[in-house]
Amino acid sequence: MTAALRVLAPGPMTTLQDLGRPGYQHLGVPVSGALDSVSFRAANLLVGNAAGVGALELAYQGPTLSVETDSVRIAVAGGRAPIDVLRPAGEASANRRLGPCESARLVRGEVLRIGALAGSAVAYLAVEGGFAIAPVLGSQSTLVRAGIGGFLGRALRAGDLLPLKQASAAEREDLMLPPIDLAPCHRVRVVLGPQDDHFTPAHLGTLLASTYTVSPASDRMGMRLEGPPLGHSSKGYDIVSDGIALGSMQVPGNGLPIILLADRQTTGGYAKVATVVSADIPALGRLAPGARIAFAAVSVEAAEAAARELASKLAAMAAGIAPVRRPPLIDPLRLMAENLVSGVVSAREGGEV
């Protein structure tokens, strides 16, 4: 029998992601990967996986999954959500609720139910050992637009059976991390260019002085912004198509910026006013439609320093791990079989019976 998790309810947009498939953009293949690489790494760390092992990216609300293997260790990191482990119907053992950023061992027949996310648009569900799903071009990341990677190249659906690499979880303590800081950046840092000369000086000032709102039309490919439009210079908004970096901010003819994210196209022909620094991409990936966003221009040197600072924080994350201290599970039948009282007092007569 295949060790697996069965999808009972998929959530709005649950896909398998890892750290992406770099190296193929010259062939027109997007990188993809986790929108929030910090939470993604935390989930893998909690179950003992290497940093890049594929995990489920949950958008807005998590899935409901049943355990069809002897045991499995899971962890959820990112947006806060109710995380419930439901026992099979008819069993006396109680259901339990897990905390954020902690691992837990589930056994056959239990159901994991993850509710609506708060504080972030995304969270990550990692399993010990990872999923037994063949990579495409070296990555398990799902690129839905192309139908490649992940589970059949698409988001999960009810009835899917996700195969696991391990049939049982290792016998060890479960672990926890301090909650991840999900607060959005006060101002998202950008490096102006490479085509900032396609915009008037006044409208470069507009970009840095204004607050924008994340549009409902945003997705894993790009974050569309609503707010003051940016006027182009006499050079116009069209350029000869060139490469697209993660965080590139294209501005089409309507003047409204689009920040290109994990599933971005590999080339584009709209002028790019700025690029979000890599250290701020995870926080950007957590923003849901309706979120407010503002920008601050920094130098390339400052962007590089921010990247080094984030890398140091990720390297130090393991030092924050501690054992989970859960109260022991109580079996009601066994509890009722124990002699827990030595006598009964009558309140009416004042004597012991």
Protein backbone atom coordinates (compact mmCIF):
# COMPACT_ATOMS: atom_id res chain seq x y z
CA MET A 1 0.00 0.00 0.00
CA THR A 2 1.37 3.42 -0.97
CA ALA A 3 2.13 5.78 1.90
CA ALA A 4 0.09 8.89 1.13
CA LEU A 5 -2.03 11.81 2.21
CA ARG A 6 -5.50 11.89 0.63
CA VAL A 7 -7.02 15.27 -0.21
CA LEU A 8 -10.52 15.56 1.25
CA ALA A 9 -10.79 19.31 0.60
CA PRO A 10 -8.06 21.12 -1.34
CA GLY A 11 -8.35 24.74 -0.23
CA PRO A 12 -8.59 27.57 -2.80
CA MET A 13 -5.07 27.18 -4.21
CA THR A 14 -2.81 24.49 -2.75
CA THR A 15 0.24 23.58 -4.83
CA LEU A 16 3.50 21.73 -4.32
CA GLN A 17 6.44 24.16 -4.35
CA ASP A 18 10.15 24.12 -3.53
CA LEU A 19 12.82 26.78 -4.10
CA GLY A 20 12.17 26.76 -7.87
CA ARG A 21 13.90 25.62 -11.07
CA PRO A 22 16.59 28.22 -11.87
CA GLY A 23 18.74 27.81 -14.94
CA TYR A 24 16.06 27.44 -17.61
CA GLN A 25 14.85 30.99 -18.20
CA HIS A 26 16.87 31.15 -21.43
CA LEU A 27 14.56 28.36 -22.65
CA GLY A 28 11.43 30.26 -21.62
CA VAL A 29 10.80 28.23 -18.44
CA PRO A 30 9.87 30.33 -15.37
CA VAL A 31 11.60 29.67 -12.04
CA SER A 32 8.43 29.33 -9.87
CA GLY A 33 8.98 28.22 -6.25
CA ALA A 34 7.65 29.36 -2.87
CA LEU A 35 6.29 32.90 -2.60
CA ASP A 36 7.52 33.14 1.01
CA SER A 37 10.85 31.33 1.17
CA VAL A 38 11.29 32.14 4.88
CA SER A 39 8.13 30.32 6.02
CA PHE A 40 8.86 27.54 3.52
CA ARG A 41 12.30 26.92 5.04
CA ALA A 42 10.88 27.03 8.56
CA ALA A 43 8.33 24.29 7.81
CA ASN A 44 11.04 22.03 6.38
CA LEU A 45 13.36 22.70 9.31
CA LEU A 46 10.70 21.62 11.80
CA VAL A 47 10.26 18.18 10.20
CA GLY A 48 13.99 17.62 9.69
CA ASN A 49 14.11 18.15 5.93
CA ALA A 50 16.75 19.93 3.88
CA ALA A 51 15.87 23.54 3.04
CA GLY A 52 14.70 22.87 -0.53
CA VAL A 53 12.48 19.80 -0.08
CA GLY A 54 9.08 20.29 -1.72
CA ALA A 55 6.19 21.37 0.54
CA LEU A 56 2.58 22.36 0.01
CA GLU A 57 1.97 26.08 -0.44
CA LEU A 58 -1.43 27.00 1.02
CA ALA A 59 -3.05 30.18 -0.26
CA TYR A 60 -5.71 31.92 1.90
CA GLN A 61 -7.01 28.65 3.42
CA GLY A 62 -5.47 25.25 4.00
CA PRO A 63 -6.61 21.81 2.85
CA THR A 64 -8.14 18.88 4.73
CA LEU A 65 -6.02 15.73 4.38
CA SER A 66 -6.44 12.19 5.69
CA VAL A 67 -3.45 10.07 6.68
CA GLU A 68 -3.10 6.86 4.67
CA THR A 69 0.21 5.62 6.03
CA ASP A 70 1.43 4.23 9.35
CA SER A 71 2.49 7.68 10.56
CA VAL A 72 3.67 11.00 9.20
CA ARG A 73 5.31 14.05 10.78
CA ILE A 74 4.01 17.41 9.58
CA ALA A 75 4.62 21.08 10.29
CA VAL A 76 2.85 24.26 9.17
CA ALA A 77 4.63 27.63 9.03
CA GLY A 78 3.51 31.01 7.71
CA GLY A 79 0.07 32.51 8.05
CA ARG A 80 -1.69 31.70 11.31
CA ALA A 81 -4.58 29.25 11.00
CA PRO A 82 -6.51 26.75 13.11
CA ILE A 83 -4.68 23.44 12.64
CA ASP A 84 -6.79 20.53 13.87
CA VAL A 85 -6.00 16.83 14.04
CA LEU A 86 -9.26 14.89 13.98
CA ARG A 87 -9.49 11.32 15.22
CA PRO A 88 -11.49 8.71 13.23
CA ALA A 89 -15.22 8.65 14.02
CA GLY A 90 -16.08 6.33 16.87
CA GLU A 91 -12.67 6.45 18.56
CA ALA A 92 -12.54 7.65 22.14
CA SER A 93 -9.30 9.64 21.82
CA ALA A 94 -9.81 13.37 21.68
CA ASN A 95 -9.19 15.64 18.70
CA ARG A 96 -6.34 18.09 19.20
CA ARG A 97 -5.28 21.50 17.93
CA LEU A 98 -1.68 22.22 16.95
CA GLY A 99 0.15 25.49 17.48
CA PRO A 100 1.87 27.49 14.73
CA CYS A 101 5.43 26.59 13.78
CA GLU A 102 5.48 23.21 15.49
CA SER A 103 5.75 19.67 14.21
CA ALA A 104 3.38 16.83 15.06
CA ARG A 105 3.20 13.10 14.42
CA LEU A 106 -0.06 11.88 12.88
CA VAL A 107 -1.14 8.25 12.49
CA ARG A 108 -3.24 6.31 10.02
CA GLY A 109 -6.87 7.38 9.95
CA GLU A 110 -6.32 10.81 11.45
CA VAL A 111 -7.43 13.88 9.49
CA LEU A 112 -5.47 17.14 9.31
CA ARG A 113 -7.71 20.19 8.81
CA ILE A 114 -6.16 23.63 8.26
CA GLY A 115 -8.48 26.63 8.30
CA ALA A 116 -8.34 30.18 6.95
CA LEU A 117 -5.00 32.00 7.13
CA ALA A 118 -4.44 35.25 9.00
CA GLY A 119 -1.42 37.54 8.92
CA SER A 120 -0.23 36.20 5.58
CA ALA A 121 -1.75 35.08 2.30
CA VAL A 122 0.35 31.90 2.32
CA ALA A 123 1.57 29.14 4.63
CA TYR A 124 3.54 25.95 4.04
CA LEU A 125 2.84 22.35 5.01
CA ALA A 126 5.97 20.19 5.07
CA VAL A 127 6.09 16.44 5.69
CA GLU A 128 9.07 14.53 7.03
CA GLY A 129 10.99 13.05 4.09
CA GLY A 130 8.98 14.98 1.51
CA PHE A 131 6.57 13.89 -1.20
CA ALA A 132 7.39 11.04 -3.61
CA ILE A 133 6.71 13.11 -6.72
CA ALA A 134 9.15 13.20 -9.63
CA PRO A 135 10.80 16.59 -10.26
CA VAL A 136 10.54 18.38 -13.59
CA LEU A 137 13.79 20.04 -14.70
CA GLY A 138 15.17 19.45 -11.23
CA SER A 139 12.26 20.93 -9.27
CA GLN A 140 8.94 19.83 -7.77
CA SER A 141 7.53 23.36 -8.06
CA THR A 142 4.12 23.60 -9.72
CA LEU A 143 3.77 25.97 -12.67
CA VAL A 144 0.02 25.88 -13.21
CA ARG A 145 0.06 28.04 -16.37
CA ALA A 146 2.29 25.53 -18.14
CA GLY A 147 0.88 22.42 -16.43
CA ILE A 148 4.28 21.20 -15.25
CA GLY A 149 5.79 20.18 -11.94
CA GLY A 150 4.10 19.42 -8.65
CA PHE A 151 1.12 17.07 -8.61
CA LEU A 152 0.09 16.63 -12.26
CA GLY A 153 1.09 20.23 -12.96
CA ARG A 154 -1.94 21.70 -11.17
CA ALA A 155 -3.41 22.79 -7.86
CA LEU A 156 -4.74 20.01 -5.63
CA ARG A 157 -8.28 18.67 -6.01
CA ALA A 158 -10.49 16.61 -3.74
CA GLY A 159 -9.64 12.92 -4.09
CA ASP A 160 -5.96 13.41 -4.99
CA LEU A 161 -3.56 10.97 -3.33
CA LEU A 162 -0.21 12.57 -2.48
CA PRO A 163 2.48 9.87 -2.21
CA LEU A 164 5.02 10.17 0.63
CA LYS A 165 8.67 9.15 0.59
CA GLN A 166 8.45 7.72 4.12
CA ALA A 167 5.87 5.17 5.31
CA SER A 168 6.35 6.16 8.96
CA ALA A 169 7.67 9.07 10.97
CA ALA A 170 10.92 8.83 12.89
CA GLU A 171 10.63 8.21 16.64
CA ARG A 172 11.78 11.53 18.12
CA GLU A 173 10.55 14.63 19.89
CA ASP A 174 8.43 17.09 18.01
CA LEU A 175 9.92 20.55 17.57
CA MET A 176 8.79 24.17 17.60
CA LEU A 177 10.13 27.54 16.48
CA PRO A 178 9.28 31.05 17.69
CA PRO A 179 6.48 32.49 15.54
CA ILE A 180 7.71 34.05 12.29
CA ASP A 181 7.43 37.83 12.05
CA LEU A 182 4.73 38.23 9.41
CA ALA A 183 4.48 42.01 9.64
CA PRO A 184 4.67 43.70 6.23
CA CYS A 185 7.60 45.96 5.47
CA HIS A 186 7.04 49.58 6.52
CA ARG A 187 8.31 50.43 3.05
CA VAL A 188 9.29 47.85 0.45
CA ARG A 189 12.83 48.59 -0.69
CA VAL A 190 13.48 48.94 -4.42
CA VAL A 191 16.44 49.69 -6.65
CA LEU A 192 15.36 52.08 -9.40
CA GLY A 193 15.75 50.87 -12.98
CA PRO A 194 16.75 49.38 -15.28
CA GLN A 195 14.42 51.56 -17.39
CA ASP A 196 13.69 54.37 -14.94
CA ASP A 197 14.63 56.79 -17.75
CA HIS A 198 11.30 55.85 -19.37
CA PHE A 199 9.49 57.77 -16.59
CA THR A 200 9.34 61.45 -15.82
CA PRO A 201 11.16 62.64 -12.68
CA ALA A 202 7.83 63.74 -11.25
CA HIS A 203 6.36 60.27 -11.61
CA LEU A 204 9.42 58.60 -10.11
CA GLY A 205 8.63 60.81 -7.13
CA THR A 206 5.01 59.64 -7.27
CA LEU A 207 6.12 56.01 -6.98
CA LEU A 208 8.13 56.73 -3.83
CA ALA A 209 5.65 59.12 -2.21
CA SER A 210 2.42 57.16 -2.78
CA THR A 211 0.68 54.22 -1.15
CA TYR A 212 -0.67 51.50 -3.44
CA THR A 213 -3.20 48.73 -2.89
CA VAL A 214 -2.71 45.09 -3.93
CA SER A 215 -5.30 44.32 -6.61
CA PRO A 216 -7.61 41.26 -6.53
CA ALA A 217 -6.24 40.51 -10.02
CA SER A 218 -2.87 39.54 -8.47
CA ASP A 219 -1.58 35.97 -8.59
CA ARG A 220 1.64 33.96 -8.32
CA MET A 221 2.81 35.47 -11.60
CA GLY A 222 2.45 39.13 -10.70
CA MET A 223 1.18 41.52 -8.06
CA ARG A 224 -0.92 44.23 -9.70
CA LEU A 225 -1.10 47.53 -7.84
CA GLU A 226 -3.90 50.08 -7.72
CA GLY A 227 -3.10 53.73 -7.03
CA PRO A 228 -1.63 56.81 -8.71
CA PRO A 229 -0.54 55.93 -12.28
CA LEU A 230 3.05 56.57 -13.35
CA GLY A 231 3.50 58.71 -16.43
CA HIS A 232 6.04 57.62 -19.03
CA SER A 233 8.57 59.93 -20.61
CA SER A 234 8.74 60.55 -24.35
CA LYS A 235 10.44 57.16 -24.65
CA GLY A 236 7.09 55.49 -23.99
CA TYR A 237 6.29 52.26 -22.17
CA ASP A 238 7.45 49.74 -24.80
CA ILE A 239 11.02 48.38 -24.87
CA VAL A 240 12.76 45.62 -26.76
CA SER A 241 11.90 42.57 -24.67
CA ASP A 242 14.57 41.71 -22.13
CA GLY A 243 14.98 39.42 -19.11
CA ILE A 244 12.70 39.57 -16.09
CA ALA A 245 14.17 39.28 -12.60
CA LEU A 246 12.22 38.33 -9.47
CA GLY A 247 10.68 41.54 -8.14
CA SER A 248 10.85 43.47 -11.44
CA MET A 249 8.25 46.25 -11.49
CA GLN A 250 6.80 46.60 -14.98
CA VAL A 251 4.62 49.58 -15.87
CA PRO A 252 2.37 49.05 -18.92
CA GLY A 253 0.55 51.79 -20.80
CA ASN A 254 -2.07 52.37 -18.09
CA GLY A 255 0.71 53.46 -15.69
CA LEU A 256 -0.17 50.96 -12.94
CA PRO A 257 2.83 48.94 -11.68
CA ILE A 258 2.97 45.14 -11.74
CA ILE A 259 5.54 43.44 -9.47
CA LEU A 260 6.57 40.14 -11.05
CA LEU A 261 6.76 37.19 -8.67
CA ALA A 262 7.63 33.48 -8.62
CA ASP A 263 5.73 32.39 -11.76
CA ARG A 264 6.81 35.47 -13.75
CA GLN A 265 7.40 35.27 -17.49
CA THR A 266 11.05 35.05 -18.53
CA THR A 267 11.08 38.16 -20.77
CA GLY A 268 8.93 41.26 -21.06
CA GLY A 269 8.48 44.32 -23.26
CA TYR A 270 7.21 46.91 -20.79
CA ALA A 271 9.57 49.41 -19.18
CA LYS A 272 10.61 48.43 -15.64
CA VAL A 273 10.72 51.35 -13.24
CA ALA A 274 12.38 49.47 -10.34
CA THR A 275 13.18 46.06 -8.84
CA VAL A 276 12.22 44.95 -5.32
CA VAL A 277 15.30 43.92 -3.31
CA SER A 278 15.52 40.15 -2.79
CA ALA A 279 15.36 40.44 1.02
CA ASP A 280 11.86 41.95 0.82
CA ILE A 281 10.41 39.35 -1.58
CA PRO A 282 9.21 36.93 1.17
CA ALA A 283 7.27 39.72 2.91
CA LEU A 284 5.85 40.78 -0.45
CA GLY A 285 4.72 37.21 -1.14
CA ARG A 286 2.63 37.25 2.04
CA LEU A 287 0.46 40.20 0.97
CA ALA A 288 -3.17 39.52 0.14
CA PRO A 289 -5.45 41.61 -2.09
CA GLY A 290 -6.40 44.80 -0.32
CA ALA A 291 -3.05 45.16 1.45
CA ARG A 292 -1.41 48.59 1.33
CA ILE A 293 2.15 48.97 0.07
CA ALA A 294 4.67 51.83 -0.18
CA PHE A 295 8.21 51.96 -1.54
CA ALA A 296 11.63 53.37 -0.67
CA ALA A 297 14.56 53.61 -3.09
CA VAL A 298 17.90 52.14 -1.96
CA SER A 299 21.28 51.59 -3.56
CA VAL A 300 22.54 48.31 -5.01
CA GLU A 301 25.00 48.14 -2.12
CA ALA A 302 22.17 48.47 0.42
CA ALA A 303 20.20 45.74 -1.40
CA GLU A 304 23.21 43.42 -1.23
CA ALA A 305 23.65 44.13 2.48
CA ALA A 306 19.94 43.34 3.08
CA ALA A 307 20.35 40.03 1.23
CA ARG A 308 23.31 39.10 3.43
CA GLU A 309 21.34 40.02 6.55
CA LEU A 310 18.41 37.79 5.52
CA ALA A 311 20.79 34.92 4.72
CA SER A 312 22.29 35.24 8.20
CA LYS A 313 18.85 35.15 9.81
CA LEU A 314 17.92 32.03 7.85
CA ALA A 315 21.18 30.35 8.85
CA ALA A 316 20.48 31.15 12.50
CA MET A 317 16.89 29.89 12.41
CA ALA A 318 17.87 26.39 13.55
CA ALA A 319 19.25 27.82 16.82
CA GLY A 320 15.67 28.77 17.82
CA ILE A 321 14.34 25.21 17.67
CA ALA A 322 13.05 23.74 20.95
CA PRO A 323 11.10 20.60 21.89
CA VAL A 324 7.31 20.87 21.90
CA ARG A 325 5.89 20.47 25.40
CA ARG A 326 2.39 19.12 24.88
CA PRO A 327 0.24 17.78 27.72
CA PRO A 328 -0.19 14.01 27.54
CA LEU A 329 -3.22 12.78 25.61
CA ILE A 330 -5.98 11.46 27.90
CA ASP A 331 -7.85 8.26 27.05
CA PRO A 332 -11.41 8.73 28.47
CA LEU A 333 -12.08 4.97 28.80
CA ARG A 334 -8.88 4.40 30.73
CA LEU A 335 -9.60 7.45 32.88
CA MET A 336 -13.04 6.10 33.87
CA ALA A 337 -11.52 2.73 34.77
CA GLU A 338 -9.19 4.26 37.37
CA ASN A 339 -10.12 4.68 41.04
CA LEU A 340 -9.78 8.46 41.30
CA VAL A 341 -11.84 9.04 44.50
CA SER A 342 -11.60 7.40 47.89
CA GLY A 343 -15.11 8.20 49.09
CA VAL A 344 -18.22 10.35 48.71
CA VAL A 345 -19.47 13.03 51.08
CA SER A 346 -23.19 13.72 51.44
CA ALA A 347 -23.82 17.42 51.52
CA ARG A 348 -27.30 16.81 52.99
CA GLU A 349 -26.37 14.60 55.96
CA GLY A 350 -22.78 15.73 56.50
CA GLY A 351 -21.53 12.15 56.80
CA GLU A 352 -19.32 9.99 54.60
CA VAL A 353 -21.10 7.27 52.63
